[in-house]
């Protein structure tokens, strides 16, 4: 081996890279500079990211505030003003009559003994009114039949005993306590159910002249919003004199057609009622349902004067209370 070969093996070959030309101090300074720049870059990136993220959060928060947590606008429902009407008006059938034309009502009494006559009369186009007794089994169903036919219905309430003492243990009579008298009255009203416009007296006894008893009954009728029709089953009742000042709408029957009246008598009663309507503007006819009475009523309906309006009984009561003015139920 020559001398030149030994020298080449023992001396390392120098690198041509630029780092080889720098000293140790230069390398340290370069490393420190790189480190500082890295830290600065990280801080800058963090600040920019925070700013962007913060804007997004604020924007999302604003959007959430506007959308998610904004209380919904209240829905506005316009309701008609509530008018608390008494039952005799609330349950009245809609009806109109010319303001100056006399009005007349026909109230047919249904005590349960002539069901077929009542059902047949419901098919008539005339706006008859019906009073139904509570003491027969089908009375609640009958009330519904009448209302579904578009007719007004009242409760036929016994103010005394029938000649055969009847079958109703809830007769209104003298000598009862206030609580018992009211209980009996409300039993009849409850049996008739919702939808009636008032009561009609039946088999009037001594109680119709008892001022104390009538005051109790009047309070009960006012409380339940009921009208009362004086059926003229007794000639000298105090219904109008005692109950009207208490606020009970009272309609006094003009004429009454009895179960046993002849056709001639029944027609005469209807003609008398027409005269009353012409003279005073209103009239009410009370009819006990029977073959003869309903036959006379059918004949009269076919020939009656058209200058008198046949109306539901509540409308006639309104005329009685307001005078000759246009009444609209």
C-alpha atoms as a PDB file:
ATOM      1  CA  UNK A   1       0.000   0.000   0.000  1.00  0.00           C
ATOM      2  CA  UNK A   2       1.429   3.313  -0.909  1.00  0.00           C
ATOM      3  CA  UNK A   3       1.511   6.382   1.215  1.00  0.00           C
ATOM      4  CA  UNK A   4      -1.177   8.144  -0.724  1.00  0.00           C
ATOM      5  CA  UNK A   5      -3.614   5.304  -0.104  1.00  0.00           C
ATOM      6  CA  UNK A   6      -3.083   5.423   3.663  1.00  0.00           C
ATOM      7  CA  UNK A   7      -3.720   9.163   3.686  1.00  0.00           C
ATOM      8  CA  UNK A   8      -7.009   8.772   1.783  1.00  0.00           C
ATOM      9  CA  UNK A   9      -8.330   6.102   4.164  1.00  0.00           C
ATOM     10  CA  UNK A  10      -7.446   7.955   7.404  1.00  0.00           C
ATOM     11  CA  UNK A  11      -8.808  11.439   6.417  1.00  0.00           C
ATOM     12  CA  UNK A  12     -12.626  11.587   6.016  1.00  0.00           C
ATOM     13  CA  UNK A  13     -14.032  13.038   2.871  1.00  0.00           C
ATOM     14  CA  UNK A  14     -15.552  16.611   3.421  1.00  0.00           C
ATOM     15  CA  UNK A  15     -19.255  17.039   2.575  1.00  0.00           C
ATOM     16  CA  UNK A  16     -20.338  19.650   0.112  1.00  0.00           C
ATOM     17  CA  UNK A  17     -23.704  20.555   2.006  1.00  0.00           C
ATOM     18  CA  UNK A  18     -24.136  24.252   3.090  1.00  0.00           C
ATOM     19  CA  UNK A  19     -24.788  23.193   6.713  1.00  0.00           C
ATOM     20  CA  UNK A  20     -21.260  21.797   6.783  1.00  0.00           C
ATOM     21  CA  UNK A  21     -19.959  25.289   6.240  1.00  0.00           C
ATOM     22  CA  UNK A  22     -21.726  26.746   9.278  1.00  0.00           C
ATOM     23  CA  UNK A  23     -20.340  26.731  12.706  1.00  0.00           C
ATOM     24  CA  UNK A  24     -21.961  25.435  15.826  1.00  0.00           C
ATOM     25  CA  UNK A  25     -23.026  28.923  16.938  1.00  0.00           C
ATOM     26  CA  UNK A  26     -24.660  29.590  13.631  1.00  0.00           C
ATOM     27  CA  UNK A  27     -26.608  26.355  13.832  1.00  0.00           C
ATOM     28  CA  UNK A  28     -27.811  27.187  17.328  1.00  0.00           C
ATOM     29  CA  UNK A  29     -28.948  30.627  16.243  1.00  0.00           C
ATOM     30  CA  UNK A  30     -30.747  29.171  13.256  1.00  0.00           C
ATOM     31  CA  UNK A  31     -32.529  26.609  15.433  1.00  0.00           C
ATOM     32  CA  UNK A  32     -33.617  29.320  17.882  1.00  0.00           C
ATOM     33  CA  UNK A  33     -34.979  31.428  15.056  1.00  0.00           C
ATOM     34  CA  UNK A  34     -36.947  28.521  13.648  1.00  0.00           C
ATOM     35  CA  UNK A  35     -38.385  27.823  17.110  1.00  0.00           C
ATOM     36  CA  UNK A  36     -39.464  31.458  17.565  1.00  0.00           C
ATOM     37  CA  UNK A  37     -41.088  31.557  14.152  1.00  0.00           C
ATOM     38  CA  UNK A  38     -42.944  28.309  14.919  1.00  0.00           C
ATOM     39  CA  UNK A  39     -44.244  29.687  18.183  1.00  0.00           C
ATOM     40  CA  UNK A  40     -45.305  32.916  16.497  1.00  0.00           C
ATOM     41  CA  UNK A  41     -47.065  30.983  13.759  1.00  0.00           C
ATOM     42  CA  UNK A  42     -48.934  28.842  16.305  1.00  0.00           C
ATOM     43  CA  UNK A  43     -50.052  31.926  18.233  1.00  0.00           C
ATOM     44  CA  UNK A  44     -51.183  33.647  15.049  1.00  0.00           C
ATOM     45  CA  UNK A  45     -53.108  30.619  13.845  1.00  0.00           C
ATOM     46  CA  UNK A  46     -54.731  30.242  17.279  1.00  0.00           C
ATOM     47  CA  UNK A  47     -55.806  33.905  17.347  1.00  0.00           C
ATOM     48  CA  UNK A  48     -57.222  33.771  13.835  1.00  0.00           C
ATOM     49  CA  UNK A  49     -59.043  30.526  14.598  1.00  0.00           C
ATOM     50  CA  UNK A  50     -60.448  31.890  17.845  1.00  0.00           C
ATOM     51  CA  UNK A  51     -61.678  34.989  16.106  1.00  0.00           C
ATOM     52  CA  UNK A  52     -63.386  32.991  13.386  1.00  0.00           C
ATOM     53  CA  UNK A  53     -64.805  30.494  15.851  1.00  0.00           C
ATOM     54  CA  UNK A  54     -65.963  33.252  18.185  1.00  0.00           C
ATOM     55  CA  UNK A  55     -67.813  35.027  15.379  1.00  0.00           C
ATOM     56  CA  UNK A  56     -69.480  31.767  14.453  1.00  0.00           C
ATOM     57  CA  UNK A  57     -70.479  31.123  18.039  1.00  0.00           C
ATOM     58  CA  UNK A  58     -71.886  34.625  18.397  1.00  0.00           C
ATOM     59  CA  UNK A  59     -73.708  34.262  15.125  1.00  0.00           C
ATOM     60  CA  UNK A  60     -75.090  30.880  16.168  1.00  0.00           C
ATOM     61  CA  UNK A  61     -76.065  32.283  19.533  1.00  0.00           C
ATOM     62  CA  UNK A  62     -77.862  35.168  17.838  1.00  0.00           C
ATOM     63  CA  UNK A  63     -79.611  32.780  15.492  1.00  0.00           C
ATOM     64  CA  UNK A  64     -80.557  30.525  18.385  1.00  0.00           C
ATOM     65  CA  UNK A  65     -81.863  33.491  20.308  1.00  0.00           C
ATOM     66  CA  UNK A  66     -83.928  34.589  17.330  1.00  0.00           C
ATOM     67  CA  UNK A  67     -85.242  31.146  16.396  1.00  0.00           C
ATOM     68  CA  UNK A  68     -85.071  28.592  19.147  1.00  0.00           C
ATOM     69  CA  UNK A  69     -85.792  30.730  22.179  1.00  0.00           C
ATOM     70  CA  UNK A  70     -88.040  33.365  20.704  1.00  0.00           C
ATOM     71  CA  UNK A  71     -91.507  32.921  22.252  1.00  0.00           C
ATOM     72  CA  UNK A  72     -94.101  32.021  19.623  1.00  0.00           C
ATOM     73  CA  UNK A  73     -96.493  34.740  18.652  1.00  0.00           C
ATOM     74  CA  UNK A  74     -99.781  34.168  20.463  1.00  0.00           C
ATOM     75  CA  UNK A  75    -102.586  32.958  18.262  1.00  0.00           C
ATOM     76  CA  UNK A  76    -105.456  35.411  18.363  1.00  0.00           C
ATOM     77  CA  UNK A  77    -108.914  33.876  18.560  1.00  0.00           C
ATOM     78  CA  UNK A  78    -111.795  36.268  18.315  1.00  0.00           C
ATOM     79  CA  UNK A  79    -114.803  34.969  20.228  1.00  0.00           C
ATOM     80  CA  UNK A  80    -118.237  36.501  20.136  1.00  0.00           C
ATOM     81  CA  UNK A  81    -119.227  38.193  23.374  1.00  0.00           C
ATOM     82  CA  UNK A  82    -120.867  35.733  25.710  1.00  0.00           C
ATOM     83  CA  UNK A  83    -124.476  36.447  26.408  1.00  0.00           C
ATOM     84  CA  UNK A  84    -125.972  34.483  29.271  1.00  0.00           C
ATOM     85  CA  UNK A  85    -129.574  33.994  28.230  1.00  0.00           C
ATOM     86  CA  UNK A  86    -132.251  32.469  30.433  1.00  0.00           C
ATOM     87  CA  UNK A  87    -133.389  29.025  29.332  1.00  0.00           C
ATOM     88  CA  UNK A  88    -136.691  30.254  27.920  1.00  0.00           C
ATOM     89  CA  UNK A  89    -134.762  32.380  25.407  1.00  0.00           C
ATOM     90  CA  UNK A  90    -131.742  30.126  24.909  1.00  0.00           C
ATOM     91  CA  UNK A  91    -134.000  27.167  24.012  1.00  0.00           C
ATOM     92  CA  UNK A  92    -136.477  29.143  21.925  1.00  0.00           C
ATOM     93  CA  UNK A  93    -136.921  28.198  18.296  1.00  0.00           C
ATOM     94  CA  UNK A  94    -135.735  30.808  15.772  1.00  0.00           C
ATOM     95  CA  UNK A  95    -138.720  32.751  14.509  1.00  0.00           C
ATOM     96  CA  UNK A  96    -139.579  36.069  12.879  1.00  0.00           C
ATOM     97  CA  UNK A  97    -142.880  37.863  12.556  1.00  0.00           C
ATOM     98  CA  UNK A  98    -143.767  41.201  10.970  1.00  0.00           C
ATOM     99  CA  UNK A  99    -143.519  43.865  13.683  1.00  0.00           C
ATOM    100  CA  UNK A 100    -147.140  45.005  13.575  1.00  0.00           C
ATOM    101  CA  UNK A 101    -148.804  41.673  12.850  1.00  0.00           C
ATOM    102  CA  UNK A 102    -150.633  39.939  15.748  1.00  0.00           C
ATOM    103  CA  UNK A 103    -149.119  36.689  16.952  1.00  0.00           C
ATOM    104  CA  UNK A 104    -150.831  33.644  18.407  1.00  0.00           C
ATOM    105  CA  UNK A 105    -149.478  30.463  19.979  1.00  0.00           C
ATOM    106  CA  UNK A 106    -151.120  27.055  20.332  1.00  0.00           C
ATOM    107  CA  UNK A 107    -149.806  24.895  23.193  1.00  0.00           C
ATOM    108  CA  UNK A 108    -150.805  21.223  23.034  1.00  0.00           C
ATOM    109  CA  UNK A 109    -150.805  19.385  26.373  1.00  0.00           C
ATOM    110  CA  UNK A 110    -149.322  15.879  26.275  1.00  0.00           C
ATOM    111  CA  UNK A 111    -150.071  13.884  29.417  1.00  0.00           C
ATOM    112  CA  UNK A 112    -149.003  10.608  27.826  1.00  0.00           C
ATOM    113  CA  UNK A 113    -152.471   9.252  27.123  1.00  0.00           C
ATOM    114  CA  UNK A 114    -152.643  10.190  23.429  1.00  0.00           C
ATOM    115  CA  UNK A 115    -149.173   9.550  22.101  1.00  0.00           C
ATOM    116  CA  UNK A 116    -150.270   8.883  18.509  1.00  0.00           C
ATOM    117  CA  UNK A 117    -152.011  12.271  18.297  1.00  0.00           C
ATOM    118  CA  UNK A 118    -148.876  14.073  19.450  1.00  0.00           C
ATOM    119  CA  UNK A 119    -146.613  12.209  17.039  1.00  0.00           C
ATOM    120  CA  UNK A 120    -148.988  12.985  14.175  1.00  0.00           C
ATOM    121  CA  UNK A 121    -149.157  16.674  15.108  1.00  0.00           C
ATOM    122  CA  UNK A 122    -145.367  16.882  14.909  1.00  0.00           C
ATOM    123  CA  UNK A 123    -145.694  16.259  11.159  1.00  0.00           C
ATOM    124  CA  UNK A 124    -147.749  19.394  10.666  1.00  0.00           C
ATOM    125  CA  UNK A 125    -145.993  22.468   9.327  1.00  0.00           C
ATOM    126  CA  UNK A 126    -147.654  24.747  11.878  1.00  0.00           C
ATOM    127  CA  UNK A 127    -145.248  25.905  14.635  1.00  0.00           C
ATOM    128  CA  UNK A 128    -147.217  24.385  17.510  1.00  0.00           C
ATOM    129  CA  UNK A 129    -145.741  24.260  21.003  1.00  0.00           C
ATOM    130  CA  UNK A 130    -146.077  21.237  23.310  1.00  0.00           C
ATOM    131  CA  UNK A 131    -146.174  20.732  27.063  1.00  0.00           C
ATOM    132  CA  UNK A 132    -145.144  17.237  28.189  1.00  0.00           C
ATOM    133  CA  UNK A 133    -145.957  15.674  31.559  1.00  0.00           C
ATOM    134  CA  UNK A 134    -143.058  14.086  33.405  1.00  0.00           C
ATOM    135  CA  UNK A 135    -144.943  11.256  35.034  1.00  0.00           C
ATOM    136  CA  UNK A 136    -145.110   8.792  32.131  1.00  0.00           C
ATOM    137  CA  UNK A 137    -142.240   6.583  31.104  1.00  0.00           C
ATOM    138  CA  UNK A 138    -141.665   7.960  27.610  1.00  0.00           C
ATOM    139  CA  UNK A 139    -141.747  11.637  28.559  1.00  0.00           C
ATOM    140  CA  UNK A 140    -137.971  12.321  28.193  1.00  0.00           C
ATOM    141  CA  UNK A 141    -138.044  10.646  24.779  1.00  0.00           C
ATOM    142  CA  UNK A 142    -141.107  12.671  23.794  1.00  0.00           C
ATOM    143  CA  UNK A 143    -139.351  15.908  24.705  1.00  0.00           C
ATOM    144  CA  UNK A 144    -136.473  14.968  22.402  1.00  0.00           C
ATOM    145  CA  UNK A 145    -138.891  14.052  19.600  1.00  0.00           C
ATOM    146  CA  UNK A 146    -140.537  17.454  19.841  1.00  0.00           C
ATOM    147  CA  UNK A 147    -137.253  19.330  19.861  1.00  0.00           C
ATOM    148  CA  UNK A 148    -135.911  17.339  16.919  1.00  0.00           C
ATOM    149  CA  UNK A 149    -139.045  18.293  15.023  1.00  0.00           C
ATOM    150  CA  UNK A 150    -138.154  21.951  15.556  1.00  0.00           C
ATOM    151  CA  UNK A 151    -140.938  22.707  18.021  1.00  0.00           C
ATOM    152  CA  UNK A 152    -140.817  24.348  21.412  1.00  0.00           C
ATOM    153  CA  UNK A 153    -141.486  22.201  24.444  1.00  0.00           C
ATOM    154  CA  UNK A 154    -142.454  22.927  28.032  1.00  0.00           C
ATOM    155  CA  UNK A 155    -142.889  20.789  31.144  1.00  0.00           C
ATOM    156  CA  UNK A 156    -146.493  20.064  32.109  1.00  0.00           C
ATOM    157  CA  UNK A 157    -146.332  20.378  35.896  1.00  0.00           C
ATOM    158  CA  UNK A 158    -149.217  19.379  38.224  1.00  0.00           C
ATOM    159  CA  UNK A 159    -150.118  22.233  40.574  1.00  0.00           C
ATOM    160  CA  UNK A 160    -152.740  20.006  42.139  1.00  0.00           C
ATOM    161  CA  UNK A 161    -154.221  16.532  41.944  1.00  0.00           C
ATOM    162  CA  UNK A 162    -156.241  15.206  39.048  1.00  0.00           C
ATOM    163  CA  UNK A 163    -159.833  14.198  39.799  1.00  0.00           C
ATOM    164  CA  UNK A 164    -158.653  10.595  40.188  1.00  0.00           C
ATOM    165  CA  UNK A 165    -155.658  11.813  42.293  1.00  0.00           C
ATOM    166  CA  UNK A 166    -153.403  10.963  39.369  1.00  0.00           C
ATOM    167  CA  UNK A 167    -150.292   8.850  39.525  1.00  0.00           C
ATOM    168  CA  UNK A 168    -147.638  11.482  40.219  1.00  0.00           C
ATOM    169  CA  UNK A 169    -146.192  11.567  43.753  1.00  0.00           C
ATOM    170  CA  UNK A 170    -144.441  14.874  42.976  1.00  0.00           C
ATOM    171  CA  UNK A 171    -147.511  17.082  42.789  1.00  0.00           C
ATOM    172  CA  UNK A 172    -146.929  20.719  43.780  1.00  0.00           C
ATOM    173  CA  UNK A 173    -149.393  21.464  46.567  1.00  0.00           C
ATOM    174  CA  UNK A 174    -149.914  23.550  49.664  1.00  0.00           C
ATOM    175  CA  UNK A 175    -148.455  22.507  52.979  1.00  0.00           C
ATOM    176  CA  UNK A 176    -145.037  21.417  51.707  1.00  0.00           C
ATOM    177  CA  UNK A 177    -141.791  22.790  53.090  1.00  0.00           C
ATOM    178  CA  UNK A 178    -139.759  25.111  50.884  1.00  0.00           C
ATOM    179  CA  UNK A 179    -137.135  22.417  50.305  1.00  0.00           C
ATOM    180  CA  UNK A 180    -139.720  19.806  49.343  1.00  0.00           C
ATOM    181  CA  UNK A 181    -141.612  22.160  47.057  1.00  0.00           C
ATOM    182  CA  UNK A 182    -138.421  23.066  45.221  1.00  0.00           C
ATOM    183  CA  UNK A 183    -137.386  19.424  45.041  1.00  0.00           C
ATOM    184  CA  UNK A 184    -140.664  18.497  43.377  1.00  0.00           C
ATOM    185  CA  UNK A 185    -140.473  21.377  40.930  1.00  0.00           C
ATOM    186  CA  UNK A 186    -136.922  20.474  39.942  1.00  0.00           C
ATOM    187  CA  UNK A 187    -137.844  16.812  39.619  1.00  0.00           C
ATOM    188  CA  UNK A 188    -140.287  17.751  36.859  1.00  0.00           C
ATOM    189  CA  UNK A 189    -137.759  20.029  35.182  1.00  0.00           C
ATOM    190  CA  UNK A 190    -135.056  17.356  35.351  1.00  0.00           C
ATOM    191  CA  UNK A 191    -137.375  14.734  33.857  1.00  0.00           C
ATOM    192  CA  UNK A 192    -138.080  17.051  30.949  1.00  0.00           C
ATOM    193  CA  UNK A 193    -134.333  17.525  30.471  1.00  0.00           C
ATOM    194  CA  UNK A 194    -132.425  20.260  28.714  1.00  0.00           C
ATOM    195  CA  UNK A 195    -134.078  22.260  25.996  1.00  0.00           C
ATOM    196  CA  UNK A 196    -137.418  23.275  27.515  1.00  0.00           C
ATOM    197  CA  UNK A 197    -138.569  26.882  27.579  1.00  0.00           C
ATOM    198  CA  UNK A 198    -140.736  26.746  30.691  1.00  0.00           C
ATOM    199  CA  UNK A 199    -143.645  25.093  32.469  1.00  0.00           C
ATOM    200  CA  UNK A 200    -147.412  24.892  32.068  1.00  0.00           C
ATOM    201  CA  UNK A 201    -149.632  24.378  35.083  1.00  0.00           C
ATOM    202  CA  UNK A 202    -151.867  21.304  35.148  1.00  0.00           C
ATOM    203  CA  UNK A 203    -154.752  20.427  37.485  1.00  0.00           C
ATOM    204  CA  UNK A 204    -154.401  23.726  39.339  1.00  0.00           C
ATOM    205  CA  UNK A 205    -155.324  23.412  42.994  1.00  0.00           C
ATOM    206  CA  UNK A 206    -155.259  25.676  46.016  1.00  0.00           C
ATOM    207  CA  UNK A 207    -151.538  26.337  45.630  1.00  0.00           C
ATOM    208  CA  UNK A 208    -152.182  28.711  42.711  1.00  0.00           C
ATOM    209  CA  UNK A 209    -153.636  31.176  45.230  1.00  0.00           C
ATOM    210  CA  UNK A 210    -151.009  30.631  47.924  1.00  0.00           C
ATOM    211  CA  UNK A 211    -148.692  33.636  47.819  1.00  0.00           C
ATOM    212  CA  UNK A 212    -146.022  32.019  50.005  1.00  0.00           C
ATOM    213  CA  UNK A 213    -145.888  28.878  47.886  1.00  0.00           C
ATOM    214  CA  UNK A 214    -145.887  30.877  44.660  1.00  0.00           C
ATOM    215  CA  UNK A 215    -142.937  32.926  45.935  1.00  0.00           C
ATOM    216  CA  UNK A 216    -140.963  29.701  46.439  1.00  0.00           C
ATOM    217  CA  UNK A 217    -141.944  28.394  43.011  1.00  0.00           C
ATOM    218  CA  UNK A 218    -141.146  31.754  41.432  1.00  0.00           C
ATOM    219  CA  UNK A 219    -137.653  31.734  42.906  1.00  0.00           C
ATOM    220  CA  UNK A 220    -137.103  28.268  41.473  1.00  0.00           C
ATOM    221  CA  UNK A 221    -138.317  29.311  38.014  1.00  0.00           C
ATOM    222  CA  UNK A 222    -136.155  32.439  37.998  1.00  0.00           C
ATOM    223  CA  UNK A 223    -133.138  30.403  39.084  1.00  0.00           C
ATOM    224  CA  UNK A 224    -133.629  27.968  36.191  1.00  0.00           C
ATOM    225  CA  UNK A 225    -134.541  30.653  33.647  1.00  0.00           C
ATOM    226  CA  UNK A 226    -138.030  29.270  32.998  1.00  0.00           C
ATOM    227  CA  UNK A 227    -141.172  30.913  31.672  1.00  0.00           C
ATOM    228  CA  UNK A 228    -144.646  29.927  32.869  1.00  0.00           C
ATOM    229  CA  UNK A 229    -147.871  29.531  30.920  1.00  0.00           C
ATOM    230  CA  UNK A 230    -151.074  29.932  32.915  1.00  0.00           C
ATOM    231  CA  UNK A 231    -153.220  27.272  31.261  1.00  0.00           C
ATOM    232  CA  UNK A 232    -156.450  28.582  32.761  1.00  0.00           C
ATOM    233  CA  UNK A 233    -157.093  25.270  34.461  1.00  0.00           C
ATOM    234  CA  UNK A 234    -158.287  27.494  37.311  1.00  0.00           C
ATOM    235  CA  UNK A 235    -159.956  30.863  36.654  1.00  0.00           C
ATOM    236  CA  UNK A 236    -158.446  32.859  39.497  1.00  0.00           C
ATOM    237  CA  UNK A 237    -154.757  31.999  39.704  1.00  0.00           C
ATOM    238  CA  UNK A 238    -152.198  34.473  41.044  1.00  0.00           C
ATOM    239  CA  UNK A 239    -149.476  33.431  38.600  1.00  0.00           C
ATOM    240  CA  UNK A 240    -149.270  36.717  36.729  1.00  0.00           C
ATOM    241  CA  UNK A 241    -149.790  38.931  39.775  1.00  0.00           C
ATOM    242  CA  UNK A 242    -147.144  37.230  41.919  1.00  0.00           C
ATOM    243  CA  UNK A 243    -144.600  35.801  39.484  1.00  0.00           C
ATOM    244  CA  UNK A 244    -144.201  38.605  36.960  1.00  0.00           C
ATOM    245  CA  UNK A 245    -142.854  41.079  39.551  1.00  0.00           C
ATOM    246  CA  UNK A 246    -140.284  38.414  40.491  1.00  0.00           C
ATOM    247  CA  UNK A 247    -139.006  38.298  36.909  1.00  0.00           C
ATOM    248  CA  UNK A 248    -140.799  35.166  35.695  1.00  0.00           C
ATOM    249  CA  UNK A 249    -142.065  35.581  32.104  1.00  0.00           C
ATOM    250  CA  UNK A 250    -145.750  34.654  32.417  1.00  0.00           C
ATOM    251  CA  UNK A 251    -148.073  34.065  29.494  1.00  0.00           C
ATOM    252  CA  UNK A 252    -151.734  33.705  30.362  1.00  0.00           C
ATOM    253  CA  UNK A 253    -153.806  31.398  28.207  1.00  0.00           C
ATOM    254  CA  UNK A 254    -156.479  33.244  26.281  1.00  0.00           C
ATOM    255  CA  UNK A 255    -158.715  30.234  25.774  1.00  0.00           C
ATOM    256  CA  UNK A 256    -158.546  26.546  26.644  1.00  0.00           C
ATOM    257  CA  UNK A 257    -159.859  23.585  24.662  1.00  0.00           C
ATOM    258  CA  UNK A 258    -160.763  20.711  26.955  1.00  0.00           C
ATOM    259  CA  UNK A 259    -160.403  17.033  26.243  1.00  0.00           C
ATOM    260  CA  UNK A 260    -164.169  16.549  26.143  1.00  0.00           C
ATOM    261  CA  UNK A 261    -165.104  19.710  24.236  1.00  0.00           C
ATOM    262  CA  UNK A 262    -167.040  19.366  21.018  1.00  0.00           C
ATOM    263  CA  UNK A 263    -165.626  20.423  17.672  1.00  0.00           C
ATOM    264  CA  UNK A 264    -167.928  23.449  17.748  1.00  0.00           C
ATOM    265  CA  UNK A 265    -166.689  24.505  21.185  1.00  0.00           C
ATOM    266  CA  UNK A 266    -163.075  24.026  20.152  1.00  0.00           C
ATOM    267  CA  UNK A 267    -163.516  26.119  17.004  1.00  0.00           C
ATOM    268  CA  UNK A 268    -165.272  28.813  19.028  1.00  0.00           C
ATOM    269  CA  UNK A 269    -162.303  28.930  21.437  1.00  0.00           C
ATOM    270  CA  UNK A 270    -159.884  29.344  18.541  1.00  0.00           C
ATOM    271  CA  UNK A 271    -161.971  32.146  17.012  1.00  0.00           C
ATOM    272  CA  UNK A 272    -162.141  33.916  20.391  1.00  0.00           C
ATOM    273  CA  UNK A 273    -158.347  33.745  20.575  1.00  0.00           C
ATOM    274  CA  UNK A 274    -158.101  35.299  17.108  1.00  0.00           C
ATOM    275  CA  UNK A 275    -160.251  38.211  18.277  1.00  0.00           C
ATOM    276  CA  UNK A 276    -157.987  38.639  21.310  1.00  0.00           C
ATOM    277  CA  UNK A 277    -154.912  38.689  19.063  1.00  0.00           C
ATOM    278  CA  UNK A 278    -156.475  41.346  16.815  1.00  0.00           C
ATOM    279  CA  UNK A 279    -157.410  43.481  19.796  1.00  0.00           C
ATOM    280  CA  UNK A 280    -154.269  43.136  21.936  1.00  0.00           C
ATOM    281  CA  UNK A 281    -151.619  41.789  19.584  1.00  0.00           C
ATOM    282  CA  UNK A 282    -151.141  38.394  21.247  1.00  0.00           C
ATOM    283  CA  UNK A 283    -153.071  35.273  22.189  1.00  0.00           C
ATOM    284  CA  UNK A 284    -152.301  31.814  23.597  1.00  0.00           C
ATOM    285  CA  UNK A 285    -154.561  28.783  23.146  1.00  0.00           C
ATOM    286  CA  UNK A 286    -154.092  25.747  25.379  1.00  0.00           C
ATOM    287  CA  UNK A 287    -155.300  22.454  23.893  1.00  0.00           C
ATOM    288  CA  UNK A 288    -155.753  19.161  25.762  1.00  0.00           C
ATOM    289  CA  UNK A 289    -154.844  16.515  23.213  1.00  0.00           C
ATOM    290  CA  UNK A 290    -157.866  14.425  22.182  1.00  0.00           C
ATOM    291  CA  UNK A 291    -159.298  13.191  18.924  1.00  0.00           C
ATOM    292  CA  UNK A 292    -161.957  15.908  18.866  1.00  0.00           C
ATOM    293  CA  UNK A 293    -159.635  18.728  19.881  1.00  0.00           C
ATOM    294  CA  UNK A 294    -156.975  17.824  17.332  1.00  0.00           C
ATOM    295  CA  UNK A 295    -159.589  17.434  14.604  1.00  0.00           C
ATOM    296  CA  UNK A 296    -160.896  20.918  15.348  1.00  0.00           C
ATOM    297  CA  UNK A 297    -157.341  22.248  15.353  1.00  0.00           C
ATOM    298  CA  UNK A 298    -156.699  20.681  11.954  1.00  0.00           C
ATOM    299  CA  UNK A 299    -159.837  22.296  10.522  1.00  0.00           C
ATOM    300  CA  UNK A 300    -158.938  25.683  11.955  1.00  0.00           C
ATOM    301  CA  UNK A 301    -155.372  25.564  10.605  1.00  0.00           C
ATOM    302  CA  UNK A 302    -156.763  25.048   7.114  1.00  0.00           C
ATOM    303  CA  UNK A 303    -159.118  28.017   7.272  1.00  0.00           C
ATOM    304  CA  UNK A 304    -157.581  30.454   9.757  1.00  0.00           C
ATOM    305  CA  UNK A 305    -156.904  34.081   8.963  1.00  0.00           C
ATOM    306  CA  UNK A 306    -153.481  34.730   7.517  1.00  0.00           C
ATOM    307  CA  UNK A 307    -153.469  38.186   9.050  1.00  0.00           C
ATOM    308  CA  UNK A 308    -152.431  36.536  12.324  1.00  0.00           C
ATOM    309  CA  UNK A 309    -149.016  34.882  12.610  1.00  0.00           C
ATOM    310  CA  UNK A 310    -148.984  31.499  14.337  1.00  0.00           C
ATOM    311  CA  UNK A 311    -145.813  31.514  16.444  1.00  0.00           C
ATOM    312  CA  UNK A 312    -143.891  29.491  19.044  1.00  0.00           C
ATOM    313  CA  UNK A 313    -145.069  30.332  22.531  1.00  0.00           C
ATOM    314  CA  UNK A 314    -141.780  31.975  23.575  1.00  0.00           C
ATOM    315  CA  UNK A 315    -142.231  34.547  20.827  1.00  0.00           C
ATOM    316  CA  UNK A 316    -145.704  35.416  22.077  1.00  0.00           C
ATOM    317  CA  UNK A 317    -144.316  35.875  25.593  1.00  0.00           C
ATOM    318  CA  UNK A 318    -141.676  38.213  24.219  1.00  0.00           C
ATOM    319  CA  UNK A 319    -144.389  40.264  22.579  1.00  0.00           C
ATOM    320  CA  UNK A 320    -146.290  40.350  25.844  1.00  0.00           C
ATOM    321  CA  UNK A 321    -143.201  41.641  27.634  1.00  0.00           C
ATOM    322  CA  UNK A 322    -142.044  44.103  24.999  1.00  0.00           C
ATOM    323  CA  UNK A 323    -145.310  45.239  23.464  1.00  0.00           C
ATOM    324  CA  UNK A 324    -146.037  45.322  19.759  1.00  0.00           C
ATOM    325  CA  UNK A 325    -142.473  45.410  18.485  1.00  0.00           C
ATOM    326  CA  UNK A 326    -140.654  43.157  16.136  1.00  0.00           C
ATOM    327  CA  UNK A 327    -139.626  40.010  17.977  1.00  0.00           C
ATOM    328  CA  UNK A 328    -136.877  37.794  16.716  1.00  0.00           C
ATOM    329  CA  UNK A 329    -135.912  34.609  18.620  1.00  0.00           C
END
